[in-house]
Amino acid sequence: MGIIVEYNPDLALRSISEYKKGNRKIEECIPENIEVGKIYPFLKSGQRNYWLFGQIPLLETKGSQQLSKPKASIVILDATHFLIEEKIYTKGNYKVIQICDEDKVYFNGFQKI
């Protein structure tokens, strides 16, 4: 028996519309008006590992690995694994470093440009 752990090179959250429809918790969604320098909570199902020593992209996901271009460059400040009714989750906080323009390139693989 193994331990299922997923490594994520980015933080992929849902559209805020999913929260407004009642489908997701607010921490599972990208805030409506993200601001540079502000800290936001996040929540993901599963046991996930994030890189904590540098900037990573914040993406919007529609599920099934359908990901947007980077919405922002962020730093994960902390990540904690925990259980709710025998299901594992990862929660934490991220700080927005830069808002990304869809027409520009901000990352080259894992390296912030």
PDB file of N, CA and C in Angstrom:
ATOM      1  N   MET A   1       0.844  -1.173   0.000  1.00  0.00           N
ATOM      2  CA  MET A   1       0.000   0.000   0.000  1.00  0.00           C
ATOM      3  C   MET A   1       0.890   1.237   0.000  1.00  0.00           C
ATOM      4  N   GLY A   2       0.624   2.166  -0.887  1.00  0.00           N
ATOM      5  CA  GLY A   2       1.426   3.373  -0.993  1.00  0.00           C
ATOM      6  C   GLY A   2       0.699   4.591  -0.453  1.00  0.00           C
ATOM      7  N   ILE A   3       1.414   5.670  -0.426  1.00  0.00           N
ATOM      8  CA  ILE A   3       0.854   6.957  -0.013  1.00  0.00           C
ATOM      9  C   ILE A   3       0.692   7.791  -1.270  1.00  0.00           C
ATOM     10  N   ILE A   4      -0.517   8.268  -1.522  1.00  0.00           N
ATOM     11  CA  ILE A   4      -0.779   9.074  -2.716  1.00  0.00           C
ATOM     12  C   ILE A   4      -0.488  10.533  -2.392  1.00  0.00           C
ATOM     13  N   VAL A   5       0.542  11.073  -3.043  1.00  0.00           N
ATOM     14  CA  VAL A   5       0.939  12.462  -2.874  1.00  0.00           C
ATOM     15  C   VAL A   5       1.126  13.050  -4.264  1.00  0.00           C
ATOM     16  N   GLU A   6       0.589  14.246  -4.468  1.00  0.00           N
ATOM     17  CA  GLU A   6       0.719  14.909  -5.764  1.00  0.00           C
ATOM     18  C   GLU A   6       1.616  16.127  -5.610  1.00  0.00           C
ATOM     19  N   TYR A   7       2.603  16.260  -6.508  1.00  0.00           N
ATOM     20  CA  TYR A   7       3.441  17.448  -6.544  1.00  0.00           C
ATOM     21  C   TYR A   7       2.837  18.417  -7.537  1.00  0.00           C
ATOM     22  N   ASN A   8       2.594  19.650  -7.120  1.00  0.00           N
ATOM     23  CA  ASN A   8       2.016  20.665  -7.999  1.00  0.00           C
ATOM     24  C   ASN A   8       3.012  21.794  -8.211  1.00  0.00           C
ATOM     25  N   PRO A   9       3.417  22.056  -9.458  1.00  0.00           N
ATOM     26  CA  PRO A   9       4.340  23.158  -9.754  1.00  0.00           C
ATOM     27  C   PRO A   9       3.616  24.504  -9.845  1.00  0.00           C
ATOM     28  N   ASP A  10       2.310  24.502  -9.587  1.00  0.00           N
ATOM     29  CA  ASP A  10       1.489  25.702  -9.648  1.00  0.00           C
ATOM     30  C   ASP A  10       0.358  25.535  -8.646  1.00  0.00           C
ATOM     31  N   LEU A  11      -0.395  26.600  -8.420  1.00  0.00           N
ATOM     32  CA  LEU A  11      -1.610  26.521  -7.609  1.00  0.00           C
ATOM     33  C   LEU A  11      -2.771  26.763  -8.545  1.00  0.00           C
ATOM     34  N   ALA A  12      -3.592  25.751  -8.759  1.00  0.00           N
ATOM     35  CA  ALA A  12      -4.720  25.831  -9.678  1.00  0.00           C
ATOM     36  C   ALA A  12      -6.020  25.867  -8.871  1.00  0.00           C
ATOM     37  N   LEU A  13      -6.705  26.994  -8.939  1.00  0.00           N
ATOM     38  CA  LEU A  13      -7.964  27.183  -8.230  1.00  0.00           C
ATOM     39  C   LEU A  13      -9.099  27.418  -9.221  1.00  0.00           C
ATOM     40  N   ARG A  14     -10.312  27.306  -8.758  1.00  0.00           N
ATOM     41  CA  ARG A  14     -11.503  27.473  -9.599  1.00  0.00           C
ATOM     42  C   ARG A  14     -11.869  28.946  -9.765  1.00  0.00           C
ATOM     43  N   SER A  15     -12.735  29.196 -10.725  1.00  0.00           N
ATOM     44  CA  SER A  15     -13.288  30.529 -10.941  1.00  0.00           C
ATOM     45  C   SER A  15     -14.160  30.899  -9.742  1.00  0.00           C
ATOM     46  N   ILE A  16     -14.182  32.171  -9.393  1.00  0.00           N
ATOM     47  CA  ILE A  16     -15.014  32.641  -8.287  1.00  0.00           C
ATOM     48  C   ILE A  16     -16.491  32.381  -8.572  1.00  0.00           C
ATOM     49  N   SER A  17     -16.848  32.208  -9.824  1.00  0.00           N
ATOM     50  CA  SER A  17     -18.245  31.908 -10.173  1.00  0.00           C
ATOM     51  C   SER A  17     -18.695  30.576  -9.565  1.00  0.00           C
ATOM     52  N   GLU A  18     -17.757  29.649  -9.366  1.00  0.00           N
ATOM     53  CA  GLU A  18     -18.093  28.360  -8.748  1.00  0.00           C
ATOM     54  C   GLU A  18     -18.509  28.546  -7.287  1.00  0.00           C
ATOM     55  N   TYR A  19     -17.895  29.506  -6.605  1.00  0.00           N
ATOM     56  CA  TYR A  19     -18.293  29.832  -5.237  1.00  0.00           C
ATOM     57  C   TYR A  19     -19.669  30.500  -5.247  1.00  0.00           C
ATOM     58  N   LYS A  20     -19.863  31.431  -6.162  1.00  0.00           N
ATOM     59  CA  LYS A  20     -21.134  32.166  -6.233  1.00  0.00           C
ATOM     60  C   LYS A  20     -22.307  31.241  -6.557  1.00  0.00           C
ATOM     61  N   LYS A  21     -22.056  30.166  -7.302  1.00  0.00           N
ATOM     62  CA  LYS A  21     -23.096  29.181  -7.617  1.00  0.00           C
ATOM     63  C   LYS A  21     -23.326  28.202  -6.466  1.00  0.00           C
ATOM     64  N   GLY A  22     -22.439  28.240  -5.469  1.00  0.00           N
ATOM     65  CA  GLY A  22     -22.558  27.328  -4.339  1.00  0.00           C
ATOM     66  C   GLY A  22     -21.897  25.983  -4.563  1.00  0.00           C
ATOM     67  N   ASN A  23     -21.076  25.869  -5.616  1.00  0.00           N
ATOM     68  CA  ASN A  23     -20.419  24.606  -5.944  1.00  0.00           C
ATOM     69  C   ASN A  23     -19.103  24.394  -5.212  1.00  0.00           C
ATOM     70  N   ARG A  24     -18.441  25.473  -4.771  1.00  0.00           N
ATOM     71  CA  ARG A  24     -17.120  25.401  -4.148  1.00  0.00           C
ATOM     72  C   ARG A  24     -17.046  26.334  -2.953  1.00  0.00           C
ATOM     73  N   LYS A  25     -16.096  26.038  -2.059  1.00  0.00           N
ATOM     74  CA  LYS A  25     -15.800  26.944  -0.956  1.00  0.00           C
ATOM     75  C   LYS A  25     -14.977  28.104  -1.502  1.00  0.00           C
ATOM     76  N   ILE A  26     -15.036  29.243  -0.841  1.00  0.00           N
ATOM     77  CA  ILE A  26     -14.317  30.428  -1.314  1.00  0.00           C
ATOM     78  C   ILE A  26     -12.813  30.184  -1.415  1.00  0.00           C
ATOM     79  N   GLU A  27     -12.256  29.362  -0.507  1.00  0.00           N
ATOM     80  CA  GLU A  27     -10.812  29.092  -0.511  1.00  0.00           C
ATOM     81  C   GLU A  27     -10.392  28.230  -1.701  1.00  0.00           C
ATOM     82  N   GLU A  28     -11.352  27.614  -2.390  1.00  0.00           N
ATOM     83  CA  GLU A  28     -11.059  26.797  -3.570  1.00  0.00           C
ATOM     84  C   GLU A  28     -11.043  27.636  -4.856  1.00  0.00           C
ATOM     85  N   CYS A  29     -11.304  28.932  -4.732  1.00  0.00           N
ATOM     86  CA  CYS A  29     -11.472  29.796  -5.903  1.00  0.00           C
ATOM     87  C   CYS A  29     -10.500  30.972  -5.902  1.00  0.00           C
ATOM     88  N   ILE A  30     -10.223  31.472  -7.101  1.00  0.00           N
ATOM     89  CA  ILE A  30      -9.411  32.682  -7.249  1.00  0.00           C
ATOM     90  C   ILE A  30     -10.282  33.870  -6.855  1.00  0.00           C
ATOM     91  N   PRO A  31      -9.793  34.721  -5.965  1.00  0.00           N
ATOM     92  CA  PRO A  31     -10.581  35.890  -5.565  1.00  0.00           C
ATOM     93  C   PRO A  31     -10.955  36.754  -6.770  1.00  0.00           C
ATOM     94  N   GLU A  32     -12.079  37.419  -6.657  1.00  0.00           N
ATOM     95  CA  GLU A  32     -12.587  38.227  -7.771  1.00  0.00           C
ATOM     96  C   GLU A  32     -11.608  39.322  -8.196  1.00  0.00           C
ATOM     97  N   ASN A  33     -11.065  40.031  -7.242  1.00  0.00           N
ATOM     98  CA  ASN A  33     -10.112  41.115  -7.524  1.00  0.00           C
ATOM     99  C   ASN A  33      -8.838  40.863  -6.730  1.00  0.00           C
ATOM    100  N   ILE A  34      -7.952  40.022  -7.288  1.00  0.00           N
ATOM    101  CA  ILE A  34      -6.713  39.732  -6.572  1.00  0.00           C
ATOM    102  C   ILE A  34      -5.816  40.965  -6.580  1.00  0.00           C
ATOM    103  N   GLU A  35      -5.111  41.165  -5.476  1.00  0.00           N
ATOM    104  CA  GLU A  35      -4.272  42.346  -5.317  1.00  0.00           C
ATOM    105  C   GLU A  35      -2.840  41.949  -4.979  1.00  0.00           C
ATOM    106  N   VAL A  36      -1.895  42.649  -5.572  1.00  0.00           N
ATOM    107  CA  VAL A  36      -0.476  42.439  -5.282  1.00  0.00           C
ATOM    108  C   VAL A  36      -0.219  42.745  -3.809  1.00  0.00           C
ATOM    109  N   GLY A  37       0.549  41.859  -3.168  1.00  0.00           N
ATOM    110  CA  GLY A  37       0.917  42.037  -1.775  1.00  0.00           C
ATOM    111  C   GLY A  37      -0.070  41.448  -0.785  1.00  0.00           C
ATOM    112  N   LYS A  38      -1.242  41.083  -1.245  1.00  0.00           N
ATOM    113  CA  LYS A  38      -2.262  40.545  -0.356  1.00  0.00           C
ATOM    114  C   LYS A  38      -2.090  39.034  -0.184  1.00  0.00           C
ATOM    115  N   ILE A  39      -2.473  38.543   0.984  1.00  0.00           N
ATOM    116  CA  ILE A  39      -2.385  37.114   1.303  1.00  0.00           C
ATOM    117  C   ILE A  39      -3.787  36.514   1.279  1.00  0.00           C
ATOM    118  N   TYR A  40      -3.906  35.366   0.618  1.00  0.00           N
ATOM    119  CA  TYR A  40      -5.191  34.681   0.476  1.00  0.00           C
ATOM    120  C   TYR A  40      -5.055  33.232   0.918  1.00  0.00           C
ATOM    121  N   PRO A  41      -6.134  32.659   1.470  1.00  0.00           N
ATOM    122  CA  PRO A  41      -6.123  31.240   1.815  1.00  0.00           C
ATOM    123  C   PRO A  41      -6.455  30.390   0.592  1.00  0.00           C
ATOM    124  N   PHE A  42      -6.019  29.129   0.599  1.00  0.00           N
ATOM    125  CA  PHE A  42      -6.418  28.194  -0.448  1.00  0.00           C
ATOM    126  C   PHE A  42      -6.770  26.852   0.177  1.00  0.00           C
ATOM    127  N   LEU A  43      -7.560  26.072  -0.569  1.00  0.00           N
ATOM    128  CA  LEU A  43      -7.967  24.739  -0.154  1.00  0.00           C
ATOM    129  C   LEU A  43      -8.021  23.848  -1.386  1.00  0.00           C
ATOM    130  N   LYS A  44      -7.362  22.700  -1.305  1.00  0.00           N
ATOM    131  CA  LYS A  44      -7.351  21.724  -2.399  1.00  0.00           C
ATOM    132  C   LYS A  44      -7.628  20.336  -1.818  1.00  0.00           C
ATOM    133  N   SER A  45      -8.347  19.516  -2.549  1.00  0.00           N
ATOM    134  CA  SER A  45      -8.530  18.138  -2.105  1.00  0.00           C
ATOM    135  C   SER A  45      -7.264  17.353  -2.429  1.00  0.00           C
ATOM    136  N   GLY A  46      -6.972  16.358  -1.626  1.00  0.00           N
ATOM    137  CA  GLY A  46      -5.790  15.530  -1.841  1.00  0.00           C
ATOM    138  C   GLY A  46      -4.583  16.028  -1.068  1.00  0.00           C
ATOM    139  N   GLN A  47      -3.589  15.160  -0.988  1.00  0.00           N
ATOM    140  CA  GLN A  47      -2.330  15.498  -0.316  1.00  0.00           C
ATOM    141  C   GLN A  47      -1.383  16.040  -1.371  1.00  0.00           C
ATOM    142  N   ARG A  48      -1.139  17.337  -1.311  1.00  0.00           N
ATOM    143  CA  ARG A  48      -0.369  18.023  -2.349  1.00  0.00           C
ATOM    144  C   ARG A  48       0.874  18.664  -1.760  1.00  0.00           C
ATOM    145  N   ASN A  49       1.938  18.630  -2.539  1.00  0.00           N
ATOM    146  CA  ASN A  49       3.184  19.297  -2.166  1.00  0.00           C
ATOM    147  C   ASN A  49       3.409  20.458  -3.124  1.00  0.00           C
ATOM    148  N   TYR A  50       3.745  21.601  -2.577  1.00  0.00           N
ATOM    149  CA  TYR A  50       4.030  22.806  -3.358  1.00  0.00           C
ATOM    150  C   TYR A  50       5.439  23.276  -3.051  1.00  0.00           C
ATOM    151  N   TRP A  51       6.058  23.916  -4.030  1.00  0.00           N
ATOM    152  CA  TRP A  51       7.380  24.503  -3.829  1.00  0.00           C
ATOM    153  C   TRP A  51       7.192  25.772  -3.014  1.00  0.00           C
ATOM    154  N   LEU A  52       7.885  25.881  -1.901  1.00  0.00           N
ATOM    155  CA  LEU A  52       7.723  27.004  -0.988  1.00  0.00           C
ATOM    156  C   LEU A  52       8.846  28.034  -1.087  1.00  0.00           C
ATOM    157  N   PHE A  53       9.857  27.752  -1.915  1.00  0.00           N
ATOM    158  CA  PHE A  53      11.038  28.612  -1.942  1.00  0.00           C
ATOM    159  C   PHE A  53      11.133  29.384  -3.253  1.00  0.00           C
ATOM    160  N   GLY A  54      10.076  30.104  -3.593  1.00  0.00           N
ATOM    161  CA  GLY A  54      10.100  30.901  -4.811  1.00  0.00           C
ATOM    162  C   GLY A  54       8.706  31.075  -5.373  1.00  0.00           C
ATOM    163  N   GLN A  55       8.643  31.808  -6.465  1.00  0.00           N
ATOM    164  CA  GLN A  55       7.362  32.124  -7.086  1.00  0.00           C
ATOM    165  C   GLN A  55       6.876  30.989  -7.985  1.00  0.00           C
ATOM    166  N   ILE A  56       5.565  30.775  -7.955  1.00  0.00           N
ATOM    167  CA  ILE A  56       4.908  29.807  -8.837  1.00  0.00           C
ATOM    168  C   ILE A  56       3.679  30.483  -9.438  1.00  0.00           C
ATOM    169  N   PRO A  57       3.153  29.939 -10.547  1.00  0.00           N
ATOM    170  CA  PRO A  57       1.971  30.551 -11.137  1.00  0.00           C
ATOM    171  C   PRO A  57       0.672  30.169 -10.419  1.00  0.00           C
ATOM    172  N   LEU A  58      -0.236  31.132 -10.349  1.00  0.00           N
ATOM    173  CA  LEU A  58      -1.606  30.895  -9.927  1.00  0.00           C
ATOM    174  C   LEU A  58      -2.421  30.737 -11.205  1.00  0.00           C
ATOM    175  N   LEU A  59      -3.067  29.585 -11.352  1.00  0.00           N
ATOM    176  CA  LEU A  59      -3.836  29.273 -12.553  1.00  0.00           C
ATOM    177  C   LEU A  59      -5.306  29.083 -12.194  1.00  0.00           C
ATOM    178  N   GLU A  60      -6.151  29.218 -13.194  1.00  0.00           N
ATOM    179  CA  GLU A  60      -7.558  28.869 -13.015  1.00  0.00           C
ATOM    180  C   GLU A  60      -7.776  27.507 -13.656  1.00  0.00           C
ATOM    181  N   THR A  61      -8.469  26.618 -12.935  1.00  0.00           N
ATOM    182  CA  THR A  61      -8.761  25.291 -13.467  1.00  0.00           C
ATOM    183  C   THR A  61     -10.259  25.100 -13.647  1.00  0.00           C
ATOM    184  N   LYS A  62     -10.608  24.379 -14.688  1.00  0.00           N
ATOM    185  CA  LYS A  62     -11.993  23.974 -14.900  1.00  0.00           C
ATOM    186  C   LYS A  62     -12.166  22.509 -14.515  1.00  0.00           C
ATOM    187  N   GLY A  63     -11.092  21.901 -14.005  1.00  0.00           N
ATOM    188  CA  GLY A  63     -11.103  20.485 -13.669  1.00  0.00           C
ATOM    189  C   GLY A  63     -10.526  19.679 -14.809  1.00  0.00           C
ATOM    190  N   SER A  64     -10.213  18.412 -14.548  1.00  0.00           N
ATOM    191  CA  SER A  64      -9.658  17.507 -15.561  1.00  0.00           C
ATOM    192  C   SER A  64      -8.417  18.094 -16.231  1.00  0.00           C
ATOM    193  N   GLN A  65      -7.592  18.793 -15.463  1.00  0.00           N
ATOM    194  CA  GLN A  65      -6.333  19.382 -15.929  1.00  0.00           C
ATOM    195  C   GLN A  65      -6.515  20.409 -17.038  1.00  0.00           C
ATOM    196  N   GLN A  66      -7.672  21.062 -17.097  1.00  0.00           N
ATOM    197  CA  GLN A  66      -7.899  22.167 -18.026  1.00  0.00           C
ATOM    198  C   GLN A  66      -7.490  23.458 -17.315  1.00  0.00           C
ATOM    199  N   LEU A  67      -6.290  23.942 -17.656  1.00  0.00           N
ATOM    200  CA  LEU A  67      -5.684  25.055 -16.939  1.00  0.00           C
ATOM    201  C   LEU A  67      -5.544  26.299 -17.805  1.00  0.00           C
ATOM    202  N   SER A  68      -5.683  27.460 -17.171  1.00  0.00           N
ATOM    203  CA  SER A  68      -5.497  28.734 -17.853  1.00  0.00           C
ATOM    204  C   SER A  68      -4.010  29.084 -17.905  1.00  0.00           C
ATOM    205  N   LYS A  69      -3.699  30.174 -18.582  1.00  0.00           N
ATOM    206  CA  LYS A  69      -2.375  30.777 -18.480  1.00  0.00           C
ATOM    207  C   LYS A  69      -2.280  31.385 -17.078  1.00  0.00           C
ATOM    208  N   PRO A  70      -1.070  31.708 -16.608  1.00  0.00           N
ATOM    209  CA  PRO A  70      -0.943  32.275 -15.260  1.00  0.00           C
ATOM    210  C   PRO A  70      -1.780  33.544 -15.076  1.00  0.00           C
ATOM    211  N   LYS A  71      -2.516  33.575 -13.977  1.00  0.00           N
ATOM    212  CA  LYS A  71      -3.290  34.759 -13.587  1.00  0.00           C
ATOM    213  C   LYS A  71      -2.435  35.677 -12.715  1.00  0.00           C
ATOM    214  N   ALA A  72      -1.517  35.057 -11.952  1.00  0.00           N
ATOM    215  CA  ALA A  72      -0.642  35.820 -11.063  1.00  0.00           C
ATOM    216  C   ALA A  72       0.585  34.981 -10.733  1.00  0.00           C
ATOM    217  N   SER A  73       1.621  35.661 -10.291  1.00  0.00           N
ATOM    218  CA  SER A  73       2.800  35.002  -9.742  1.00  0.00           C
ATOM    219  C   SER A  73       2.653  35.096  -8.228  1.00  0.00           C
ATOM    220  N   ILE A  74       2.755  33.944  -7.560  1.00  0.00           N
ATOM    221  CA  ILE A  74       2.502  33.892  -6.123  1.00  0.00           C
ATOM    222  C   ILE A  74       3.629  33.168  -5.392  1.00  0.00           C
ATOM    223  N   VAL A  75       3.627  33.307  -4.081  1.00  0.00           N
ATOM    224  CA  VAL A  75       4.498  32.532  -3.209  1.00  0.00           C
ATOM    225  C   VAL A  75       3.586  31.821  -2.214  1.00  0.00           C
ATOM    226  N   ILE A  76       3.739  30.505  -2.125  1.00  0.00           N
ATOM    227  CA  ILE A  76       3.004  29.740  -1.117  1.00  0.00           C
ATOM    228  C   ILE A  76       3.704  29.978   0.220  1.00  0.00           C
ATOM    229  N   LEU A  77       2.978  30.455   1.200  1.00  0.00           N
ATOM    230  CA  LEU A  77       3.557  30.760   2.511  1.00  0.00           C
ATOM    231  C   LEU A  77       3.532  29.556   3.436  1.00  0.00           C
ATOM    232  N   ASP A  78       2.500  28.737   3.325  1.00  0.00           N
ATOM    233  CA  ASP A  78       2.390  27.543   4.149  1.00  0.00           C
ATOM    234  C   ASP A  78       1.389  26.592   3.514  1.00  0.00           C
ATOM    235  N   ALA A  79       1.536  25.320   3.821  1.00  0.00           N
ATOM    236  CA  ALA A  79       0.611  24.294   3.333  1.00  0.00           C
ATOM    237  C   ALA A  79       0.526  23.199   4.391  1.00  0.00           C
ATOM    238  N   THR A  80      -0.689  22.814   4.721  1.00  0.00           N
ATOM    239  CA  THR A  80      -0.936  21.831   5.764  1.00  0.00           C
ATOM    240  C   THR A  80      -1.884  20.767   5.234  1.00  0.00           C
ATOM    241  N   HIS A  81      -1.597  19.516   5.568  1.00  0.00           N
ATOM    242  CA  HIS A  81      -2.478  18.410   5.195  1.00  0.00           C
ATOM    243  C   HIS A  81      -3.361  18.072   6.386  1.00  0.00           C
ATOM    244  N   PHE A  82      -4.630  17.751   6.113  1.00  0.00           N
ATOM    245  CA  PHE A  82      -5.546  17.404   7.199  1.00  0.00           C
ATOM    246  C   PHE A  82      -6.688  16.545   6.661  1.00  0.00           C
ATOM    247  N   LEU A  83      -7.450  15.967   7.566  1.00  0.00           N
ATOM    248  CA  LEU A  83      -8.551  15.072   7.205  1.00  0.00           C
ATOM    249  C   LEU A  83      -9.904  15.679   7.575  1.00  0.00           C
ATOM    250  N   ILE A  84     -10.879  15.459   6.696  1.00  0.00           N
ATOM    251  CA  ILE A  84     -12.284  15.721   6.982  1.00  0.00           C
ATOM    252  C   ILE A  84     -13.040  14.466   6.558  1.00  0.00           C
ATOM    253  N   GLU A  85     -13.665  13.801   7.519  1.00  0.00           N
ATOM    254  CA  GLU A  85     -14.430  12.581   7.244  1.00  0.00           C
ATOM    255  C   GLU A  85     -13.633  11.590   6.392  1.00  0.00           C
ATOM    256  N   GLU A  86     -12.407  11.335   6.808  1.00  0.00           N
ATOM    257  CA  GLU A  86     -11.506  10.368   6.174  1.00  0.00           C
ATOM    258  C   GLU A  86     -11.092  10.727   4.746  1.00  0.00           C
ATOM    259  N   LYS A  87     -11.240  11.997   4.377  1.00  0.00           N
ATOM    260  CA  LYS A  87     -10.751  12.476   3.082  1.00  0.00           C
ATOM    261  C   LYS A  87      -9.670  13.518   3.368  1.00  0.00           C
ATOM    262  N   ILE A  88      -8.535  13.402   2.658  1.00  0.00           N
ATOM    263  CA  ILE A  88      -7.406  14.300   2.909  1.00  0.00           C
ATOM    264  C   ILE A  88      -7.518  15.564   2.054  1.00  0.00           C
ATOM    265  N   TYR A  89      -7.101  16.673   2.657  1.00  0.00           N
ATOM    266  CA  TYR A  89      -7.097  17.979   1.998  1.00  0.00           C
ATOM    267  C   TYR A  89      -5.767  18.663   2.274  1.00  0.00           C
ATOM    268  N   THR A  90      -5.469  19.669   1.451  1.00  0.00           N
ATOM    269  CA  THR A  90      -4.322  20.547   1.666  1.00  0.00           C
ATOM    270  C   THR A  90      -4.849  21.967   1.727  1.00  0.00           C
ATOM    271  N   LYS A  91      -4.475  22.686   2.780  1.00  0.00           N
ATOM    272  CA  LYS A  91      -4.865  24.090   2.901  1.00  0.00           C
ATOM    273  C   LYS A  91      -3.616  24.900   3.192  1.00  0.00           C
ATOM    274  N   GLY A  92      -3.710  26.180   2.923  1.00  0.00           N
ATOM    275  CA  GLY A  92      -2.583  27.048   3.196  1.00  0.00           C
ATOM    276  C   GLY A  92      -2.889  28.477   2.807  1.00  0.00           C
ATOM    277  N   ASN A  93      -1.822  29.253   2.672  1.00  0.00           N
ATOM    278  CA  ASN A  93      -1.926  30.663   2.315  1.00  0.00           C
ATOM    279  C   ASN A  93      -0.908  30.994   1.238  1.00  0.00           C
ATOM    280  N   TYR A  94      -1.287  31.900   0.355  1.00  0.00           N
ATOM    281  CA  TYR A  94      -0.369  32.377  -0.679  1.00  0.00           C
ATOM    282  C   TYR A  94      -0.401  33.893  -0.740  1.00  0.00           C
ATOM    283  N   LYS A  95       0.727  34.447  -1.160  1.00  0.00           N
ATOM    284  CA  LYS A  95       0.854  35.893  -1.306  1.00  0.00           C
ATOM    285  C   LYS A  95       1.021  36.226  -2.782  1.00  0.00           C
ATOM    286  N   VAL A  96       0.261  37.195  -3.260  1.00  0.00           N
ATOM    287  CA  VAL A  96       0.342  37.613  -4.662  1.00  0.00           C
ATOM    288  C   VAL A  96       1.533  38.550  -4.835  1.00  0.00           C
ATOM    289  N   ILE A  97       2.428  38.175  -5.742  1.00  0.00           N
ATOM    290  CA  ILE A  97       3.630  38.970  -6.024  1.00  0.00           C
ATOM    291  C   ILE A  97       3.424  39.869  -7.240  1.00  0.00           C
ATOM    292  N   GLN A  98       2.743  39.318  -8.254  1.00  0.00           N
ATOM    293  CA  GLN A  98       2.553  40.070  -9.497  1.00  0.00           C
ATOM    294  C   GLN A  98       1.306  39.554 -10.201  1.00  0.00           C
ATOM    295  N   ILE A  99       0.512  40.447 -10.764  1.00  0.00           N
ATOM    296  CA  ILE A  99      -0.627  40.069 -11.601  1.00  0.00           C
ATOM    297  C   ILE A  99      -0.089  39.861 -13.015  1.00  0.00           C
ATOM    298  N   CYS A 100      -0.506  38.783 -13.671  1.00  0.00           N
ATOM    299  CA  CYS A 100       0.010  38.445 -15.006  1.00  0.00           C
ATOM    300  C   CYS A 100      -0.915  38.934 -16.107  1.00  0.00           C
ATOM    301  N   ASP A 101      -0.310  39.457 -17.150  1.00  0.00           N
ATOM    302  CA  ASP A 101      -1.001  39.863 -18.366  1.00  0.00           C
ATOM    303  C   ASP A 101      -0.988  38.656 -19.301  1.00  0.00           C
ATOM    304  N   GLU A 102      -2.124  38.297 -19.871  1.00  0.00           N
ATOM    305  CA  GLU A 102      -2.217  37.094 -20.712  1.00  0.00           C
ATOM    306  C   GLU A 102      -1.278  37.113 -21.917  1.00  0.00           C
ATOM    307  N   ASP A 103      -0.854  38.303 -22.355  1.00  0.00           N
ATOM    308  CA  ASP A 103      -0.024  38.406 -23.554  1.00  0.00           C
ATOM    309  C   ASP A 103       1.475  38.281 -23.285  1.00  0.00           C
ATOM    310  N   LYS A 104       1.872  38.180 -22.018  1.00  0.00           N
ATOM    311  CA  LYS A 104       3.287  38.113 -21.681  1.00  0.00           C
ATOM    312  C   LYS A 104       3.646  36.752 -21.098  1.00  0.00           C
ATOM    313  N   VAL A 105       4.933  36.419 -21.175  1.00  0.00           N
ATOM    314  CA  VAL A 105       5.452  35.178 -20.590  1.00  0.00           C
ATOM    315  C   VAL A 105       6.107  35.527 -19.260  1.00  0.00           C
ATOM    316  N   TYR A 106       5.736  34.790 -18.206  1.00  0.00           N
ATOM    317  CA  TYR A 106       6.250  35.058 -16.864  1.00  0.00           C
ATOM    318  C   TYR A 106       7.088  33.923 -16.300  1.00  0.00           C
ATOM    319  N   PHE A 107       6.907  32.721 -16.862  1.00  0.00           N
ATOM    320  CA  PHE A 107       7.626  31.553 -16.366  1.00  0.00           C
ATOM    321  C   PHE A 107       8.222  30.794 -17.538  1.00  0.00           C
ATOM    322  N   ASN A 108       9.413  30.229 -17.324  1.00  0.00           N
ATOM    323  CA  ASN A 108      10.045  29.336 -18.271  1.00  0.00           C
ATOM    324  C   ASN A 108      10.218  28.009 -17.530  1.00  0.00           C
ATOM    325  N   GLY A 109       9.267  27.110 -17.717  1.00  0.00           N
ATOM    326  CA  GLY A 109       9.256  25.906 -16.903  1.00  0.00           C
ATOM    327  C   GLY A 109       9.008  26.303 -15.469  1.00  0.00           C
ATOM    328  N   PHE A 110       9.913  25.966 -14.566  1.00  0.00           N
ATOM    329  CA  PHE A 110       9.766  26.321 -13.166  1.00  0.00           C
ATOM    330  C   PHE A 110      10.410  27.655 -12.824  1.00  0.00           C
ATOM    331  N   GLN A 111      11.143  28.243 -13.763  1.00  0.00           N
ATOM    332  CA  GLN A 111      11.876  29.463 -13.479  1.00  0.00           C
ATOM    333  C   GLN A 111      11.034  30.698 -13.758  1.00  0.00           C
ATOM    334  N   LYS A 112      10.953  31.607 -12.783  1.00  0.00           N
ATOM    335  CA  LYS A 112      10.274  32.878 -12.946  1.00  0.00           C
ATOM    336  C   LYS A 112      11.147  33.776 -13.809  1.00  0.00           C
ATOM    337  N   ILE A 113      10.545  34.396 -14.822  1.00  0.00           N
ATOM    338  CA  ILE A 113      11.291  35.291 -15.727  1.00  0.00           C
ATOM    339  C   ILE A 113      11.209  36.707 -15.193  1.00  0.00           C
TER     340      ILE A 113
END
